[in-house]
């Protein structure tokens, strides 16, 4: 199993969001940037305007779990930031919907 570290600092997120490539699904958007390191870095961003902390953390757990399932098949050396789209209600978060979005986006980005 590959080790993935989390992006935590604001400047790390900004770096990926400003210089990364944007891919979009129905529920989530992903920014991907090559980092020339031997591991992937993962970040998850959900606006506080979408819901209370319990709902936001639930969506983060769903995204993290879906990422862990495809992690072994993803190429190494990328910074990946997941963003929940503001147009979608946070109450619509479902494991299957997120799974389909992630698979579609990673195939489109040729990371699988």
PDB file of N, CA and C in Angstrom:
ATOM      1  N   UNK A   1       0.837  -1.181   0.000  1.00  0.00           N
ATOM      2  CA  UNK A   1       0.000   0.000   0.000  1.00  0.00           C
ATOM      3  C   UNK A   1       0.882   1.243   0.000  1.00  0.00           C
ATOM      4  N   UNK A   2       0.579   2.198  -0.864  1.00  0.00           N
ATOM      5  CA  UNK A   2       1.351   3.422  -0.968  1.00  0.00           C
ATOM      6  C   UNK A   2       1.016   4.349   0.197  1.00  0.00           C
ATOM      7  N   UNK A   3       1.981   5.146   0.560  1.00  0.00           N
ATOM      8  CA  UNK A   3       1.767   6.113   1.621  1.00  0.00           C
ATOM      9  C   UNK A   3       1.411   7.451   0.992  1.00  0.00           C
ATOM     10  N   UNK A   4       0.326   8.026   1.429  1.00  0.00           N
ATOM     11  CA  UNK A   4      -0.090   9.333   0.970  1.00  0.00           C
ATOM     12  C   UNK A   4      -0.092  10.281   2.149  1.00  0.00           C
ATOM     13  N   UNK A   5       0.543  11.413   1.979  1.00  0.00           N
ATOM     14  CA  UNK A   5       0.565  12.422   3.028  1.00  0.00           C
ATOM     15  C   UNK A   5      -0.485  13.482   2.711  1.00  0.00           C
ATOM     16  N   UNK A   6      -0.904  14.185   3.740  1.00  0.00           N
ATOM     17  CA  UNK A   6      -1.935  15.199   3.581  1.00  0.00           C
ATOM     18  C   UNK A   6      -1.311  16.585   3.390  1.00  0.00           C
ATOM     19  N   UNK A   7      -1.938  17.395   2.551  1.00  0.00           N
ATOM     20  CA  UNK A   7      -1.592  18.806   2.457  1.00  0.00           C
ATOM     21  C   UNK A   7      -2.275  19.504   3.625  1.00  0.00           C
ATOM     22  N   UNK A   8      -1.531  20.317   4.360  1.00  0.00           N
ATOM     23  CA  UNK A   8      -2.106  20.950   5.546  1.00  0.00           C
ATOM     24  C   UNK A   8      -1.983  22.470   5.542  1.00  0.00           C
ATOM     25  N   UNK A   9      -0.948  22.971   4.957  1.00  0.00           N
ATOM     26  CA  UNK A   9      -0.690  24.412   4.992  1.00  0.00           C
ATOM     27  C   UNK A   9      -1.459  25.126   3.883  1.00  0.00           C
ATOM     28  N   UNK A  10      -1.831  26.372   4.170  1.00  0.00           N
ATOM     29  CA  UNK A  10      -2.584  27.170   3.214  1.00  0.00           C
ATOM     30  C   UNK A  10      -1.792  27.385   1.923  1.00  0.00           C
ATOM     31  N   UNK A  11      -0.487  27.628   2.024  1.00  0.00           N
ATOM     32  CA  UNK A  11       0.316  27.876   0.830  1.00  0.00           C
ATOM     33  C   UNK A  11       0.426  26.618  -0.035  1.00  0.00           C
ATOM     34  N   UNK A  12       0.355  25.432   0.565  1.00  0.00           N
ATOM     35  CA  UNK A  12       0.386  24.193  -0.216  1.00  0.00           C
ATOM     36  C   UNK A  12      -0.886  24.067  -1.057  1.00  0.00           C
ATOM     37  N   UNK A  13      -2.031  24.370  -0.447  1.00  0.00           N
ATOM     38  CA  UNK A  13      -3.293  24.343  -1.189  1.00  0.00           C
ATOM     39  C   UNK A  13      -3.285  25.377  -2.311  1.00  0.00           C
ATOM     40  N   UNK A  14      -2.859  26.593  -2.000  1.00  0.00           N
ATOM     41  CA  UNK A  14      -2.839  27.663  -3.003  1.00  0.00           C
ATOM     42  C   UNK A  14      -1.937  27.306  -4.173  1.00  0.00           C
ATOM     43  N   UNK A  15      -0.807  26.690  -3.887  1.00  0.00           N
ATOM     44  CA  UNK A  15       0.126  26.290  -4.929  1.00  0.00           C
ATOM     45  C   UNK A  15      -0.529  25.323  -5.911  1.00  0.00           C
ATOM     46  N   UNK A  16      -1.236  24.338  -5.383  1.00  0.00           N
ATOM     47  CA  UNK A  16      -1.901  23.355  -6.249  1.00  0.00           C
ATOM     48  C   UNK A  16      -3.076  24.000  -6.983  1.00  0.00           C
ATOM     49  N   UNK A  17      -3.860  24.827  -6.294  1.00  0.00           N
ATOM     50  CA  UNK A  17      -5.030  25.442  -6.918  1.00  0.00           C
ATOM     51  C   UNK A  17      -4.642  26.433  -8.015  1.00  0.00           C
ATOM     52  N   UNK A  18      -3.528  27.139  -7.838  1.00  0.00           N
ATOM     53  CA  UNK A  18      -3.112  28.130  -8.834  1.00  0.00           C
ATOM     54  C   UNK A  18      -2.373  27.512 -10.018  1.00  0.00           C
ATOM     55  N   UNK A  19      -1.582  26.475  -9.761  1.00  0.00           N
ATOM     56  CA  UNK A  19      -0.733  25.926 -10.818  1.00  0.00           C
ATOM     57  C   UNK A  19      -1.164  24.545 -11.295  1.00  0.00           C
ATOM     58  N   UNK A  20      -2.164  23.963 -10.647  1.00  0.00           N
ATOM     59  CA  UNK A  20      -2.595  22.616 -10.999  1.00  0.00           C
ATOM     60  C   UNK A  20      -3.588  22.597 -12.150  1.00  0.00           C
ATOM     61  N   UNK A  21      -3.841  21.402 -12.630  1.00  0.00           N
ATOM     62  CA  UNK A  21      -4.800  21.188 -13.708  1.00  0.00           C
ATOM     63  C   UNK A  21      -6.148  20.841 -13.096  1.00  0.00           C
ATOM     64  N   UNK A  22      -7.211  21.448 -13.632  1.00  0.00           N
ATOM     65  CA  UNK A  22      -8.558  21.311 -13.084  1.00  0.00           C
ATOM     66  C   UNK A  22      -9.319  20.214 -13.823  1.00  0.00           C
ATOM     67  N   UNK A  23      -9.938  19.314 -13.056  1.00  0.00           N
ATOM     68  CA  UNK A  23     -10.821  18.289 -13.602  1.00  0.00           C
ATOM     69  C   UNK A  23     -12.102  18.324 -12.794  1.00  0.00           C
ATOM     70  N   UNK A  24     -13.226  18.096 -13.470  1.00  0.00           N
ATOM     71  CA  UNK A  24     -14.499  18.259 -12.795  1.00  0.00           C
ATOM     72  C   UNK A  24     -15.411  17.062 -12.998  1.00  0.00           C
ATOM     73  N   UNK A  25     -16.132  16.723 -11.943  1.00  0.00           N
ATOM     74  CA  UNK A  25     -17.190  15.729 -11.988  1.00  0.00           C
ATOM     75  C   UNK A  25     -18.488  16.416 -11.610  1.00  0.00           C
ATOM     76  N   UNK A  26     -19.511  15.637 -11.324  1.00  0.00           N
ATOM     77  CA  UNK A  26     -20.793  16.228 -10.963  1.00  0.00           C
ATOM     78  C   UNK A  26     -20.767  16.803  -9.549  1.00  0.00           C
ATOM     79  N   UNK A  27     -20.122  16.100  -8.618  1.00  0.00           N
ATOM     80  CA  UNK A  27     -20.138  16.506  -7.228  1.00  0.00           C
ATOM     81  C   UNK A  27     -18.825  17.085  -6.731  1.00  0.00           C
ATOM     82  N   UNK A  28     -17.710  16.630  -7.292  1.00  0.00           N
ATOM     83  CA  UNK A  28     -16.417  17.116  -6.826  1.00  0.00           C
ATOM     84  C   UNK A  28     -15.580  17.633  -7.988  1.00  0.00           C
ATOM     85  N   UNK A  29     -14.658  18.510  -7.647  1.00  0.00           N
ATOM     86  CA  UNK A  29     -13.653  19.003  -8.593  1.00  0.00           C
ATOM     87  C   UNK A  29     -12.298  18.629  -8.020  1.00  0.00           C
ATOM     88  N   UNK A  30     -11.358  18.356  -8.910  1.00  0.00           N
ATOM     89  CA  UNK A  30     -10.030  17.949  -8.472  1.00  0.00           C
ATOM     90  C   UNK A  30      -8.983  18.797  -9.188  1.00  0.00           C
ATOM     91  N   UNK A  31      -8.018  19.287  -8.423  1.00  0.00           N
ATOM     92  CA  UNK A  31      -6.850  19.951  -8.969  1.00  0.00           C
ATOM     93  C   UNK A  31      -5.669  19.015  -8.785  1.00  0.00           C
ATOM     94  N   UNK A  32      -4.906  18.792  -9.852  1.00  0.00           N
ATOM     95  CA  UNK A  32      -3.775  17.867  -9.812  1.00  0.00           C
ATOM     96  C   UNK A  32      -2.528  18.601 -10.301  1.00  0.00           C
ATOM     97  N   UNK A  33      -1.448  18.425  -9.552  1.00  0.00           N
ATOM     98  CA  UNK A  33      -0.169  19.049  -9.926  1.00  0.00           C
ATOM     99  C   UNK A  33       0.963  18.071  -9.656  1.00  0.00           C
ATOM    100  N   UNK A  34       1.888  17.971 -10.588  1.00  0.00           N
ATOM    101  CA  UNK A  34       3.050  17.093 -10.416  1.00  0.00           C
ATOM    102  C   UNK A  34       3.986  17.715  -9.393  1.00  0.00           C
ATOM    103  N   UNK A  35       4.514  16.872  -8.459  1.00  0.00           N
ATOM    104  CA  UNK A  35       5.355  17.418  -7.398  1.00  0.00           C
ATOM    105  C   UNK A  35       6.792  16.898  -7.412  1.00  0.00           C
ATOM    106  N   UNK A  36       7.140  16.002  -8.330  1.00  0.00           N
ATOM    107  CA  UNK A  36       8.500  15.469  -8.471  1.00  0.00           C
ATOM    108  C   UNK A  36       9.028  14.841  -7.186  1.00  0.00           C
ATOM    109  N   UNK A  37       8.154  14.268  -6.391  1.00  0.00           N
ATOM    110  CA  UNK A  37       8.548  13.537  -5.194  1.00  0.00           C
ATOM    111  C   UNK A  37       8.092  12.102  -5.370  1.00  0.00           C
ATOM    112  N   UNK A  38       8.450  11.264  -4.465  1.00  0.00           N
ATOM    113  CA  UNK A  38       8.159   9.837  -4.595  1.00  0.00           C
ATOM    114  C   UNK A  38       6.887   9.437  -3.840  1.00  0.00           C
ATOM    115  N   UNK A  39       5.975  10.390  -3.636  1.00  0.00           N
ATOM    116  CA  UNK A  39       4.718  10.083  -2.969  1.00  0.00           C
ATOM    117  C   UNK A  39       3.666  11.109  -3.376  1.00  0.00           C
ATOM    118  N   UNK A  40       2.418  10.758  -3.130  1.00  0.00           N
ATOM    119  CA  UNK A  40       1.314  11.660  -3.413  1.00  0.00           C
ATOM    120  C   UNK A  40       0.955  12.450  -2.158  1.00  0.00           C
ATOM    121  N   UNK A  41       0.496  13.663  -2.368  1.00  0.00           N
ATOM    122  CA  UNK A  41       0.001  14.500  -1.290  1.00  0.00           C
ATOM    123  C   UNK A  41      -1.463  14.793  -1.567  1.00  0.00           C
ATOM    124  N   UNK A  42      -2.307  14.622  -0.562  1.00  0.00           N
ATOM    125  CA  UNK A  42      -3.752  14.735  -0.721  1.00  0.00           C
ATOM    126  C   UNK A  42      -4.283  15.882   0.124  1.00  0.00           C
ATOM    127  N   UNK A  43      -5.184  16.671  -0.455  1.00  0.00           N
ATOM    128  CA  UNK A  43      -5.854  17.735   0.277  1.00  0.00           C
ATOM    129  C   UNK A  43      -7.340  17.702  -0.021  1.00  0.00           C
ATOM    130  N   UNK A  44      -8.152  18.020   0.978  1.00  0.00           N
ATOM    131  CA  UNK A  44      -9.605  18.041   0.804  1.00  0.00           C
ATOM    132  C   UNK A  44     -10.103  19.376   1.322  1.00  0.00           C
ATOM    133  N   UNK A  45     -10.865  20.101   0.493  1.00  0.00           N
ATOM    134  CA  UNK A  45     -11.379  21.410   0.874  1.00  0.00           C
ATOM    135  C   UNK A  45     -12.892  21.445   0.665  1.00  0.00           C
ATOM    136  N   UNK A  46     -13.603  21.811   1.723  1.00  0.00           N
ATOM    137  CA  UNK A  46     -15.056  21.952   1.654  1.00  0.00           C
ATOM    138  C   UNK A  46     -15.414  23.265   2.336  1.00  0.00           C
ATOM    139  N   UNK A  47     -16.149  24.105   1.661  1.00  0.00           N
ATOM    140  CA  UNK A  47     -16.491  25.416   2.178  1.00  0.00           C
ATOM    141  C   UNK A  47     -17.382  25.307   3.412  1.00  0.00           C
ATOM    142  N   UNK A  48     -17.130  26.168   4.385  1.00  0.00           N
ATOM    143  CA  UNK A  48     -17.938  26.155   5.603  1.00  0.00           C
ATOM    144  C   UNK A  48     -19.350  26.682   5.349  1.00  0.00           C
ATOM    145  N   UNK A  49     -19.572  27.305   4.206  1.00  0.00           N
ATOM    146  CA  UNK A  49     -20.899  27.811   3.858  1.00  0.00           C
ATOM    147  C   UNK A  49     -21.853  26.685   3.461  1.00  0.00           C
ATOM    148  N   UNK A  50     -21.309  25.516   3.167  1.00  0.00           N
ATOM    149  CA  UNK A  50     -22.137  24.411   2.699  1.00  0.00           C
ATOM    150  C   UNK A  50     -22.854  23.672   3.815  1.00  0.00           C
ATOM    151  N   UNK A  51     -22.346  23.731   5.020  1.00  0.00           N
ATOM    152  CA  UNK A  51     -23.000  23.021   6.104  1.00  0.00           C
ATOM    153  C   UNK A  51     -22.175  23.069   7.374  1.00  0.00           C
ATOM    154  N   UNK A  52     -22.740  22.484   8.395  1.00  0.00           N
ATOM    155  CA  UNK A  52     -22.049  22.449   9.685  1.00  0.00           C
ATOM    156  C   UNK A  52     -20.907  21.445   9.641  1.00  0.00           C
ATOM    157  N   UNK A  53     -20.075  21.466  10.675  1.00  0.00           N
ATOM    158  CA  UNK A  53     -18.852  20.667  10.721  1.00  0.00           C
ATOM    159  C   UNK A  53     -19.124  19.170  10.607  1.00  0.00           C
ATOM    160  N   UNK A  54     -20.212  18.696  11.178  1.00  0.00           N
ATOM    161  CA  UNK A  54     -20.515  17.268  11.137  1.00  0.00           C
ATOM    162  C   UNK A  54     -20.701  16.795   9.699  1.00  0.00           C
ATOM    163  N   UNK A  55     -21.462  17.549   8.917  1.00  0.00           N
ATOM    164  CA  UNK A  55     -21.697  17.188   7.510  1.00  0.00           C
ATOM    165  C   UNK A  55     -20.428  17.306   6.689  1.00  0.00           C
ATOM    166  N   UNK A  56     -19.649  18.377   6.917  1.00  0.00           N
ATOM    167  CA  UNK A  56     -18.415  18.567   6.157  1.00  0.00           C
ATOM    168  C   UNK A  56     -17.423  17.452   6.443  1.00  0.00           C
ATOM    169  N   UNK A  57     -17.296  17.074   7.702  1.00  0.00           N
ATOM    170  CA  UNK A  57     -16.377  15.991   8.054  1.00  0.00           C
ATOM    171  C   UNK A  57     -16.840  14.660   7.495  1.00  0.00           C
ATOM    172  N   UNK A  58     -18.145  14.447   7.421  1.00  0.00           N
ATOM    173  CA  UNK A  58     -18.694  13.228   6.824  1.00  0.00           C
ATOM    174  C   UNK A  58     -18.290  13.130   5.348  1.00  0.00           C
ATOM    175  N   UNK A  59     -18.411  14.238   4.632  1.00  0.00           N
ATOM    176  CA  UNK A  59     -18.036  14.247   3.215  1.00  0.00           C
ATOM    177  C   UNK A  59     -16.535  14.029   3.068  1.00  0.00           C
ATOM    178  N   UNK A  60     -15.733  14.617   3.942  1.00  0.00           N
ATOM    179  CA  UNK A  60     -14.280  14.404   3.897  1.00  0.00           C
ATOM    180  C   UNK A  60     -13.939  12.936   4.102  1.00  0.00           C
ATOM    181  N   UNK A  61     -14.631  12.290   5.033  1.00  0.00           N
ATOM    182  CA  UNK A  61     -14.386  10.861   5.269  1.00  0.00           C
ATOM    183  C   UNK A  61     -14.758  10.037   4.046  1.00  0.00           C
ATOM    184  N   UNK A  62     -15.868  10.380   3.391  1.00  0.00           N
ATOM    185  CA  UNK A  62     -16.264   9.656   2.176  1.00  0.00           C
ATOM    186  C   UNK A  62     -15.216   9.815   1.075  1.00  0.00           C
ATOM    187  N   UNK A  63     -14.740  11.021   0.880  1.00  0.00           N
ATOM    188  CA  UNK A  63     -13.730  11.275  -0.149  1.00  0.00           C
ATOM    189  C   UNK A  63     -12.438  10.537   0.184  1.00  0.00           C
ATOM    190  N   UNK A  64     -12.005  10.614   1.439  1.00  0.00           N
ATOM    191  CA  UNK A  64     -10.771   9.954   1.859  1.00  0.00           C
ATOM    192  C   UNK A  64     -10.863   8.434   1.676  1.00  0.00           C
ATOM    193  N   UNK A  65     -11.998   7.852   2.019  1.00  0.00           N
ATOM    194  CA  UNK A  65     -12.170   6.408   1.876  1.00  0.00           C
ATOM    195  C   UNK A  65     -12.167   5.997   0.406  1.00  0.00           C
ATOM    196  N   UNK A  66     -12.829   6.766  -0.445  1.00  0.00           N
ATOM    197  CA  UNK A  66     -12.820   6.464  -1.876  1.00  0.00           C
ATOM    198  C   UNK A  66     -11.415   6.587  -2.445  1.00  0.00           C
ATOM    199  N   UNK A  67     -10.672   7.580  -1.998  1.00  0.00           N
ATOM    200  CA  UNK A  67      -9.302   7.735  -2.481  1.00  0.00           C
ATOM    201  C   UNK A  67      -8.445   6.549  -2.056  1.00  0.00           C
ATOM    202  N   UNK A  68      -8.610   6.080  -0.827  1.00  0.00           N
ATOM    203  CA  UNK A  68      -7.824   4.948  -0.334  1.00  0.00           C
ATOM    204  C   UNK A  68      -8.059   3.696  -1.170  1.00  0.00           C
ATOM    205  N   UNK A  69      -9.266   3.537  -1.679  1.00  0.00           N
ATOM    206  CA  UNK A  69      -9.577   2.349  -2.478  1.00  0.00           C
ATOM    207  C   UNK A  69      -8.894   2.354  -3.846  1.00  0.00           C
ATOM    208  N   UNK A  70      -8.663   3.528  -4.413  1.00  0.00           N
ATOM    209  CA  UNK A  70      -8.009   3.606  -5.723  1.00  0.00           C
ATOM    210  C   UNK A  70      -6.540   4.005  -5.616  1.00  0.00           C
ATOM    211  N   UNK A  71      -6.077   4.231  -4.406  1.00  0.00           N
ATOM    212  CA  UNK A  71      -4.716   4.736  -4.179  1.00  0.00           C
ATOM    213  C   UNK A  71      -3.636   3.845  -4.791  1.00  0.00           C
ATOM    214  N   UNK A  72      -3.817   2.539  -4.727  1.00  0.00           N
ATOM    215  CA  UNK A  72      -2.802   1.611  -5.231  1.00  0.00           C
ATOM    216  C   UNK A  72      -2.661   1.676  -6.748  1.00  0.00           C
ATOM    217  N   UNK A  73      -3.683   2.136  -7.438  1.00  0.00           N
ATOM    218  CA  UNK A  73      -3.666   2.178  -8.894  1.00  0.00           C
ATOM    219  C   UNK A  73      -3.254   3.540  -9.456  1.00  0.00           C
ATOM    220  N   UNK A  74      -3.043   4.510  -8.589  1.00  0.00           N
ATOM    221  CA  UNK A  74      -2.727   5.869  -9.025  1.00  0.00           C
ATOM    222  C   UNK A  74      -1.215   6.028  -9.153  1.00  0.00           C
ATOM    223  N   UNK A  75      -0.797   6.762 -10.174  1.00  0.00           N
ATOM    224  CA  UNK A  75       0.623   7.054 -10.357  1.00  0.00           C
ATOM    225  C   UNK A  75       1.137   7.891  -9.183  1.00  0.00           C
ATOM    226  N   UNK A  76       2.427   7.784  -8.920  1.00  0.00           N
ATOM    227  CA  UNK A  76       3.052   8.461  -7.777  1.00  0.00           C
ATOM    228  C   UNK A  76       3.678   9.771  -8.230  1.00  0.00           C
ATOM    229  N   UNK A  77       3.696  10.759  -7.347  1.00  0.00           N
ATOM    230  CA  UNK A  77       4.380  12.020  -7.613  1.00  0.00           C
ATOM    231  C   UNK A  77       3.443  13.174  -7.915  1.00  0.00           C
ATOM    232  N   UNK A  78       2.266  13.202  -7.285  1.00  0.00           N
ATOM    233  CA  UNK A  78       1.288  14.243  -7.568  1.00  0.00           C
ATOM    234  C   UNK A  78       0.734  14.839  -6.283  1.00  0.00           C
ATOM    235  N   UNK A  79       0.381  16.123  -6.359  1.00  0.00           N
ATOM    236  CA  UNK A  79      -0.416  16.782  -5.327  1.00  0.00           C
ATOM    237  C   UNK A  79      -1.845  16.784  -5.839  1.00  0.00           C
ATOM    238  N   UNK A  80      -2.781  16.325  -5.016  1.00  0.00           N
ATOM    239  CA  UNK A  80      -4.181  16.193  -5.431  1.00  0.00           C
ATOM    240  C   UNK A  80      -5.052  16.907  -4.405  1.00  0.00           C
ATOM    241  N   UNK A  81      -5.884  17.838  -4.874  1.00  0.00           N
ATOM    242  CA  UNK A  81      -6.800  18.553  -3.988  1.00  0.00           C
ATOM    243  C   UNK A  81      -8.226  18.301  -4.466  1.00  0.00           C
ATOM    244  N   UNK A  82      -9.052  17.767  -3.560  1.00  0.00           N
ATOM    245  CA  UNK A  82     -10.473  17.533  -3.831  1.00  0.00           C
ATOM    246  C   UNK A  82     -11.268  18.715  -3.292  1.00  0.00           C
ATOM    247  N   UNK A  83     -12.232  19.189  -4.081  1.00  0.00           N
ATOM    248  CA  UNK A  83     -13.106  20.284  -3.654  1.00  0.00           C
ATOM    249  C   UNK A  83     -14.546  19.876  -3.919  1.00  0.00           C
ATOM    250  N   UNK A  84     -15.402  20.017  -2.901  1.00  0.00           N
ATOM    251  CA  UNK A  84     -16.829  19.741  -3.072  1.00  0.00           C
ATOM    252  C   UNK A  84     -17.449  20.942  -3.774  1.00  0.00           C
ATOM    253  N   UNK A  85     -18.208  20.687  -4.840  1.00  0.00           N
ATOM    254  CA  UNK A  85     -18.794  21.773  -5.611  1.00  0.00           C
ATOM    255  C   UNK A  85     -19.890  22.482  -4.830  1.00  0.00           C
ATOM    256  N   UNK A  86     -19.893  23.784  -4.908  1.00  0.00           N
ATOM    257  CA  UNK A  86     -20.853  24.586  -4.152  1.00  0.00           C
ATOM    258  C   UNK A  86     -22.276  24.456  -4.700  1.00  0.00           C
ATOM    259  N   UNK A  87     -22.419  24.084  -5.972  1.00  0.00           N
ATOM    260  CA  UNK A  87     -23.747  23.955  -6.561  1.00  0.00           C
ATOM    261  C   UNK A  87     -24.502  22.749  -6.005  1.00  0.00           C
ATOM    262  N   UNK A  88     -23.775  21.773  -5.490  1.00  0.00           N
ATOM    263  CA  UNK A  88     -24.400  20.547  -4.990  1.00  0.00           C
ATOM    264  C   UNK A  88     -24.628  20.658  -3.488  1.00  0.00           C
ATOM    265  N   UNK A  89     -25.786  20.223  -3.062  1.00  0.00           N
ATOM    266  CA  UNK A  89     -26.097  20.199  -1.634  1.00  0.00           C
ATOM    267  C   UNK A  89     -25.186  19.187  -0.945  1.00  0.00           C
ATOM    268  N   UNK A  90     -24.732  19.528   0.230  1.00  0.00           N
ATOM    269  CA  UNK A  90     -23.850  18.622   0.958  1.00  0.00           C
ATOM    270  C   UNK A  90     -24.635  17.411   1.477  1.00  0.00           C
ATOM    271  N   UNK A  91     -25.944  17.549   1.575  1.00  0.00           N
ATOM    272  CA  UNK A  91     -26.795  16.436   1.996  1.00  0.00           C
ATOM    273  C   UNK A  91     -26.916  15.359   0.927  1.00  0.00           C
ATOM    274  N   UNK A  92     -26.532  15.668  -0.320  1.00  0.00           N
ATOM    275  CA  UNK A  92     -26.586  14.702  -1.416  1.00  0.00           C
ATOM    276  C   UNK A  92     -25.357  13.806  -1.455  1.00  0.00           C
ATOM    277  N   UNK A  93     -24.440  14.008  -0.525  1.00  0.00           N
ATOM    278  CA  UNK A  93     -23.201  13.230  -0.519  1.00  0.00           C
ATOM    279  C   UNK A  93     -23.519  11.753  -0.314  1.00  0.00           C
ATOM    280  N   UNK A  94     -23.041  10.948  -1.232  1.00  0.00           N
ATOM    281  CA  UNK A  94     -23.260   9.508  -1.179  1.00  0.00           C
ATOM    282  C   UNK A  94     -21.970   8.824  -1.634  1.00  0.00           C
ATOM    283  N   UNK A  95     -21.649   7.715  -1.019  1.00  0.00           N
ATOM    284  CA  UNK A  95     -20.425   6.989  -1.322  1.00  0.00           C
ATOM    285  C   UNK A  95     -20.330   6.651  -2.810  1.00  0.00           C
ATOM    286  N   UNK A  96     -21.410   6.152  -3.385  1.00  0.00           N
ATOM    287  CA  UNK A  96     -21.409   5.717  -4.788  1.00  0.00           C
ATOM    288  C   UNK A  96     -21.216   6.891  -5.751  1.00  0.00           C
ATOM    289  N   UNK A  97     -21.853   8.028  -5.462  1.00  0.00           N
ATOM    290  CA  UNK A  97     -21.707   9.196  -6.336  1.00  0.00           C
ATOM    291  C   UNK A  97     -20.263   9.696  -6.345  1.00  0.00           C
ATOM    292  N   UNK A  98     -19.668   9.744  -5.169  1.00  0.00           N
ATOM    293  CA  UNK A  98     -18.286  10.203  -5.062  1.00  0.00           C
ATOM    294  C   UNK A  98     -17.350   9.211  -5.744  1.00  0.00           C
ATOM    295  N   UNK A  99     -17.622   7.929  -5.579  1.00  0.00           N
ATOM    296  CA  UNK A  99     -16.799   6.894  -6.208  1.00  0.00           C
ATOM    297  C   UNK A  99     -16.814   7.027  -7.732  1.00  0.00           C
ATOM    298  N   UNK A 100     -17.990   7.233  -8.310  1.00  0.00           N
ATOM    299  CA  UNK A 100     -18.098   7.394  -9.766  1.00  0.00           C
ATOM    300  C   UNK A 100     -17.356   8.632 -10.239  1.00  0.00           C
ATOM    301  N   UNK A 101     -17.501   9.737  -9.507  1.00  0.00           N
ATOM    302  CA  UNK A 101     -16.806  10.971  -9.872  1.00  0.00           C
ATOM    303  C   UNK A 101     -15.288  10.787  -9.846  1.00  0.00           C
ATOM    304  N   UNK A 102     -14.776  10.177  -8.785  1.00  0.00           N
ATOM    305  CA  UNK A 102     -13.331  10.007  -8.642  1.00  0.00           C
ATOM    306  C   UNK A 102     -12.785   9.108  -9.746  1.00  0.00           C
ATOM    307  N   UNK A 103     -13.469   8.007 -10.033  1.00  0.00           N
ATOM    308  CA  UNK A 103     -13.005   7.108 -11.090  1.00  0.00           C
ATOM    309  C   UNK A 103     -13.007   7.807 -12.445  1.00  0.00           C
ATOM    310  N   UNK A 104     -14.068   8.555 -12.733  1.00  0.00           N
ATOM    311  CA  UNK A 104     -14.172   9.264 -14.014  1.00  0.00           C
ATOM    312  C   UNK A 104     -13.051  10.301 -14.158  1.00  0.00           C
ATOM    313  N   UNK A 105     -12.810  11.044 -13.088  1.00  0.00           N
ATOM    314  CA  UNK A 105     -11.809  12.112 -13.151  1.00  0.00           C
ATOM    315  C   UNK A 105     -10.398  11.544 -13.270  1.00  0.00           C
ATOM    316  N   UNK A 106     -10.090  10.495 -12.515  1.00  0.00           N
ATOM    317  CA  UNK A 106      -8.746   9.923 -12.593  1.00  0.00           C
ATOM    318  C   UNK A 106      -8.486   9.283 -13.960  1.00  0.00           C
ATOM    319  N   UNK A 107      -9.509   8.707 -14.586  1.00  0.00           N
ATOM    320  CA  UNK A 107      -9.332   8.187 -15.945  1.00  0.00           C
ATOM    321  C   UNK A 107      -9.102   9.343 -16.922  1.00  0.00           C
ATOM    322  N   UNK A 108      -9.849  10.416 -16.750  1.00  0.00           N
ATOM    323  CA  UNK A 108      -9.693  11.582 -17.618  1.00  0.00           C
ATOM    324  C   UNK A 108      -8.311  12.208 -17.468  1.00  0.00           C
ATOM    325  N   UNK A 109      -7.793  12.217 -16.237  1.00  0.00           N
ATOM    326  CA  UNK A 109      -6.478  12.810 -15.966  1.00  0.00           C
ATOM    327  C   UNK A 109      -5.338  11.833 -16.276  1.00  0.00           C
ATOM    328  N   UNK A 110      -5.664  10.607 -16.638  1.00  0.00           N
ATOM    329  CA  UNK A 110      -4.694   9.553 -16.964  1.00  0.00           C
ATOM    330  C   UNK A 110      -3.759   9.266 -15.796  1.00  0.00           C
ATOM    331  N   UNK A 111      -4.315   9.210 -14.596  1.00  0.00           N
ATOM    332  CA  UNK A 111      -3.543   8.875 -13.412  1.00  0.00           C
ATOM    333  C   UNK A 111      -3.700   7.420 -13.020  1.00  0.00           C
ATOM    334  N   UNK A 112      -4.669   6.741 -13.597  1.00  0.00           N
ATOM    335  CA  UNK A 112      -4.903   5.327 -13.247  1.00  0.00           C
ATOM    336  C   UNK A 112      -4.064   4.445 -14.150  1.00  0.00           C
TER     337      UNK A 112
END
